Amino acid sequence: MAQLSFEALDHALRRSPGHRLFTVLAIDPGLVVSRRLYTSDAVAYPCGGTKPLYPDNDFFREVVQGGRARICLDQEACRRAFPDHALIDALGCRSAVNVPIRHGGRTLGSLNLLHQEHWYQPDMVPALMRFAEQAAPLLLSLRYVEMPE
């Protein structure tokens, strides 16, 4: 069921605003790692993969703690933001947006869209936040996420 829901979200986001790569990450309740629940490219970014969370980086501060979307406008911003920037670049992705999935004032995960340089713009964020709101119940239904108190 979750896979079908993520695929529907992938399809909708591919139409607007568009993406070359789309992933959904769930934040570990202990804020130690994020786990990939869905990917549009299972070869490059397989489901189940984890990424460490670092409290001192922009993703953690802006997306996880702040609950704000983060945009990397160009290739240089992606290089600074992502340790795996070489793979991202090889996929033709040179801009990215990370959109927090939130419930009860807490970030449960993120929608992550990547595309060609300068693709994502600040005026896209409100619509992307609405997509993320729709994903919150799905993340809550999965065992990776604990219900906030």
Protein backbone atom coordinates (compact mmCIF):
# COMPACT_ATOMS: atom_id res chain seq x y z
CA MET A 1 0.00 0.00 0.00
CA ALA A 2 2.75 2.46 0.95
CA GLN A 3 4.62 1.74 -2.28
CA LEU A 4 1.52 2.56 -4.35
CA SER A 5 0.98 5.79 -2.42
CA PHE A 6 4.59 6.85 -2.89
CA GLU A 7 4.38 5.98 -6.59
CA ALA A 8 1.28 8.18 -6.93
CA LEU A 9 3.12 11.01 -5.21
CA ASP A 10 6.12 10.44 -7.49
CA HIS A 11 3.87 10.61 -10.56
CA ALA A 12 2.18 13.83 -9.41
CA LEU A 13 5.49 15.52 -8.57
CA ARG A 14 7.03 14.42 -11.86
CA ARG A 15 4.29 16.39 -13.63
CA SER A 16 4.67 19.46 -11.46
CA PRO A 17 7.14 20.79 -10.52
CA GLY A 18 9.10 17.96 -12.16
CA HIS A 19 12.11 15.91 -11.10
CA ARG A 20 14.84 13.62 -12.36
CA LEU A 21 15.17 11.95 -8.97
CA PHE A 22 12.62 11.72 -6.18
CA THR A 23 13.10 10.12 -2.78
CA VAL A 24 11.20 10.00 0.48
CA LEU A 25 13.21 9.85 3.69
CA ALA A 26 11.91 9.04 7.17
CA ILE A 27 13.73 10.57 10.11
CA ASP A 28 14.74 8.08 12.79
CA PRO A 29 12.95 9.04 16.01
CA GLY A 30 16.33 9.21 17.75
CA LEU A 31 17.45 11.79 15.14
CA VAL A 32 20.48 9.70 14.26
CA VAL A 33 19.74 8.68 10.66
CA SER A 34 17.24 9.12 7.88
CA ARG A 35 16.03 6.04 6.02
CA ARG A 36 15.02 5.97 2.35
CA LEU A 37 11.46 4.67 2.09
CA TYR A 38 10.93 5.39 -1.61
CA THR A 39 13.06 6.18 -4.62
CA SER A 40 12.45 6.83 -8.29
CA ASP A 41 15.92 5.35 -9.03
CA ALA A 42 16.41 2.06 -7.19
CA VAL A 43 19.82 1.46 -8.78
CA ALA A 44 21.47 4.71 -7.70
CA TYR A 45 19.49 5.21 -4.48
CA PRO A 46 17.93 1.94 -3.25
CA CYS A 47 15.16 1.83 -0.68
CA GLY A 48 16.31 1.05 2.82
CA GLY A 49 19.49 3.05 2.50
CA THR A 50 20.32 5.32 5.41
CA LYS A 51 22.02 8.67 5.75
CA PRO A 52 23.50 9.98 8.99
CA LEU A 53 21.95 13.13 10.42
CA TYR A 54 24.33 15.82 11.60
CA PRO A 55 22.83 18.49 13.90
CA ASP A 56 25.33 21.06 12.65
CA ASN A 57 24.43 20.94 8.94
CA ASP A 58 21.91 22.97 6.96
CA PHE A 59 19.58 20.05 6.21
CA PHE A 60 19.18 19.29 9.91
CA ARG A 61 18.80 22.93 10.96
CA GLU A 62 16.46 24.01 8.16
CA VAL A 63 14.43 20.91 7.33
CA VAL A 64 14.45 18.73 10.45
CA GLN A 65 14.52 21.36 13.21
CA GLY A 66 13.10 24.39 11.40
CA GLY A 67 10.45 22.60 9.34
CA ARG A 68 11.36 24.71 6.30
CA ALA A 69 12.03 23.58 2.75
CA ARG A 70 15.63 23.92 1.61
CA ILE A 71 16.53 24.68 -2.00
CA CYS A 72 19.91 24.11 -3.61
CA LEU A 73 19.64 26.24 -6.74
CA ASP A 74 22.70 25.08 -8.63
CA GLN A 75 25.48 22.55 -8.95
CA GLU A 76 27.75 24.39 -6.50
CA ALA A 77 25.02 24.47 -3.84
CA CYS A 78 24.46 20.73 -4.33
CA ARG A 79 28.20 20.08 -3.98
CA ARG A 80 28.24 21.94 -0.67
CA ALA A 81 25.07 20.25 0.60
CA PHE A 82 25.45 16.61 -0.38
CA PRO A 83 28.37 14.28 0.39
CA ASP A 84 27.19 12.12 -2.55
CA HIS A 85 27.25 15.07 -4.98
CA ALA A 86 29.31 13.14 -7.57
CA LEU A 87 26.52 10.57 -8.00
CA ILE A 88 23.89 13.30 -7.99
CA ASP A 89 25.81 15.15 -10.70
CA ALA A 90 26.25 11.95 -12.73
CA LEU A 91 22.45 11.59 -12.79
CA GLY A 92 22.18 15.06 -14.34
CA CYS A 93 20.83 16.57 -11.14
CA ARG A 94 22.18 20.01 -10.32
CA SER A 95 19.43 21.50 -8.18
CA ALA A 96 17.43 20.08 -5.30
CA VAL A 97 14.65 20.82 -2.87
CA ASN A 98 14.17 19.05 0.47
CA VAL A 99 10.64 19.46 1.81
CA PRO A 100 9.86 18.54 5.42
CA ILE A 101 7.04 16.10 6.15
CA ARG A 102 5.64 17.28 9.47
CA HIS A 103 3.02 16.28 12.00
CA GLY A 104 2.35 17.73 15.42
CA GLY A 105 5.18 20.24 15.10
CA ARG A 106 7.74 17.53 14.42
CA THR A 107 9.56 16.59 11.21
CA LEU A 108 8.89 12.95 10.33
CA GLY A 109 10.81 12.89 7.06
CA SER A 110 11.32 14.71 3.81
CA LEU A 111 10.36 14.74 0.16
CA ASN A 112 13.53 15.18 -1.89
CA LEU A 113 13.37 16.28 -5.51
CA LEU A 114 16.37 16.78 -7.77
CA HIS A 115 16.54 18.16 -11.31
CA GLN A 116 18.61 20.25 -13.69
CA GLU A 117 20.31 23.43 -12.50
CA HIS A 118 18.05 26.31 -11.40
CA TRP A 119 14.91 24.14 -11.72
CA TYR A 120 13.55 24.67 -8.21
CA GLN A 121 12.52 28.16 -7.13
CA PRO A 122 11.12 29.58 -3.88
CA ASP A 123 7.67 30.12 -5.40
CA MET A 124 7.32 26.32 -5.74
CA VAL A 125 7.63 25.71 -2.00
CA PRO A 126 3.98 26.31 -0.94
CA ALA A 127 2.69 23.65 -3.36
CA LEU A 128 5.46 21.25 -2.32
CA MET A 129 4.59 21.76 1.34
CA ARG A 130 1.00 20.72 0.54
CA PHE A 131 2.30 17.51 -1.04
CA ALA A 132 4.37 16.89 2.10
CA GLU A 133 1.28 17.37 4.29
CA GLN A 134 -0.41 14.61 2.31
CA ALA A 135 2.55 12.29 2.94
CA ALA A 136 2.50 12.68 6.75
CA PRO A 137 -0.26 10.10 7.44
CA LEU A 138 1.59 7.58 5.29
CA LEU A 139 4.81 8.02 7.25
CA LEU A 140 2.90 7.82 10.51
CA SER A 141 1.40 4.51 9.40
CA LEU A 142 4.83 2.97 8.86
CA ARG A 143 6.81 1.43 11.68
CA TYR A 144 9.84 3.66 11.03
CA VAL A 145 8.17 6.63 12.69
CA GLU A 146 6.83 6.98 16.22
CA MET A 147 3.67 8.93 16.86
CA PRO A 148 4.51 12.31 18.43
CA GLU A 149 3.24 12.82 21.96
